[in-house]
């Protein structure tokens, strides 16, 4: 939806994702693995909006997860180095 040609749809998707990320920051989520797998597929997207959003989310999850993400470092590096 972020890459939809209709500006209203892409803006609504961006707003929804921003709200969800804000809720995630204030919650006590401990399992970030499934989210990182989704982001891993979006980082190499041909659409720059999808890539940017995936990188922003990855950065925030790194901050939130801290050292608990050690098992995912390889996956994270593969995603962002693309």
Protein backbone atom coordinates (compact mmCIF):
# COMPACT_ATOMS: atom_id res chain seq x y z
CA UNK A 1 0.00 0.00 0.00
CA UNK A 2 2.94 2.33 0.57
CA UNK A 3 3.82 2.15 -3.10
CA UNK A 4 0.24 2.55 -4.32
CA UNK A 5 -0.12 5.13 -7.08
CA UNK A 6 -3.03 6.72 -5.25
CA UNK A 7 -1.47 9.30 -2.94
CA UNK A 8 -4.28 9.05 -0.38
CA UNK A 9 -3.79 5.31 -0.02
CA UNK A 10 -0.01 5.57 0.35
CA UNK A 11 -0.37 8.37 2.91
CA UNK A 12 -2.95 6.36 4.89
CA UNK A 13 -0.62 3.35 4.86
CA UNK A 14 2.29 5.49 6.03
CA UNK A 15 0.18 6.99 8.81
CA UNK A 16 -1.02 3.54 9.95
CA UNK A 17 2.54 2.19 10.02
CA UNK A 18 3.76 5.24 11.94
CA UNK A 19 1.01 4.76 14.54
CA UNK A 20 1.82 1.07 14.82
CA UNK A 21 5.52 1.82 15.30
CA UNK A 22 4.70 4.34 18.04
CA UNK A 23 2.58 1.71 19.81
CA UNK A 24 5.38 -0.81 19.43
CA UNK A 25 7.85 1.58 21.07
CA UNK A 26 5.63 1.95 24.13
CA UNK A 27 4.85 -1.75 24.50
CA UNK A 28 6.81 -4.59 26.07
CA UNK A 29 7.38 -6.64 22.94
CA UNK A 30 10.14 -9.17 23.40
CA UNK A 31 10.02 -11.11 20.14
CA UNK A 32 11.23 -9.18 17.15
CA UNK A 33 12.24 -12.11 14.94
CA UNK A 34 9.00 -12.33 12.96
CA UNK A 35 9.01 -8.58 12.34
CA UNK A 36 12.60 -8.68 11.16
CA UNK A 37 11.74 -11.42 8.66
CA UNK A 38 9.06 -9.21 7.14
CA UNK A 39 11.43 -6.26 7.00
CA UNK A 40 14.11 -8.41 5.42
CA UNK A 41 11.89 -8.84 2.37
CA UNK A 42 11.12 -5.12 2.12
CA UNK A 43 14.66 -3.73 2.39
CA UNK A 44 15.61 -4.72 -1.19
CA UNK A 45 12.26 -3.55 -2.60
CA UNK A 46 12.38 -1.68 -5.89
CA UNK A 47 10.10 0.94 -4.38
CA UNK A 48 12.10 3.54 -2.45
CA UNK A 49 9.24 4.25 -0.02
CA UNK A 50 9.09 0.57 0.98
CA UNK A 51 12.87 0.45 1.35
CA UNK A 52 12.96 3.58 3.46
CA UNK A 53 10.12 2.41 5.72
CA UNK A 54 11.77 -0.98 6.17
CA UNK A 55 15.06 0.67 7.15
CA UNK A 56 13.35 3.02 9.61
CA UNK A 57 11.53 0.08 11.21
CA UNK A 58 14.73 -1.98 11.33
CA UNK A 59 16.54 0.87 13.06
CA UNK A 60 13.78 1.23 15.64
CA UNK A 61 13.67 -2.51 16.30
CA UNK A 62 17.45 -2.51 16.77
CA UNK A 63 17.08 0.24 19.38
CA UNK A 64 14.21 -1.56 21.11
CA UNK A 65 15.71 -5.03 20.97
CA UNK A 66 19.26 -4.12 21.95
CA UNK A 67 21.37 -7.22 22.70
CA UNK A 68 18.36 -9.54 22.51
CA UNK A 69 18.73 -9.23 18.76
CA UNK A 70 22.16 -10.88 18.71
CA UNK A 71 20.74 -14.05 17.08
CA UNK A 72 19.37 -11.85 14.29
CA UNK A 73 22.46 -9.73 13.58
CA UNK A 74 23.28 -11.74 10.45
CA UNK A 75 19.75 -11.32 9.10
CA UNK A 76 19.74 -7.60 9.93
CA UNK A 77 23.06 -7.01 8.18
CA UNK A 78 21.94 -8.88 5.08
CA UNK A 79 18.83 -6.74 4.94
CA UNK A 80 20.40 -3.34 5.37
CA UNK A 81 23.54 -3.94 3.32
CA UNK A 82 21.51 -4.53 0.19
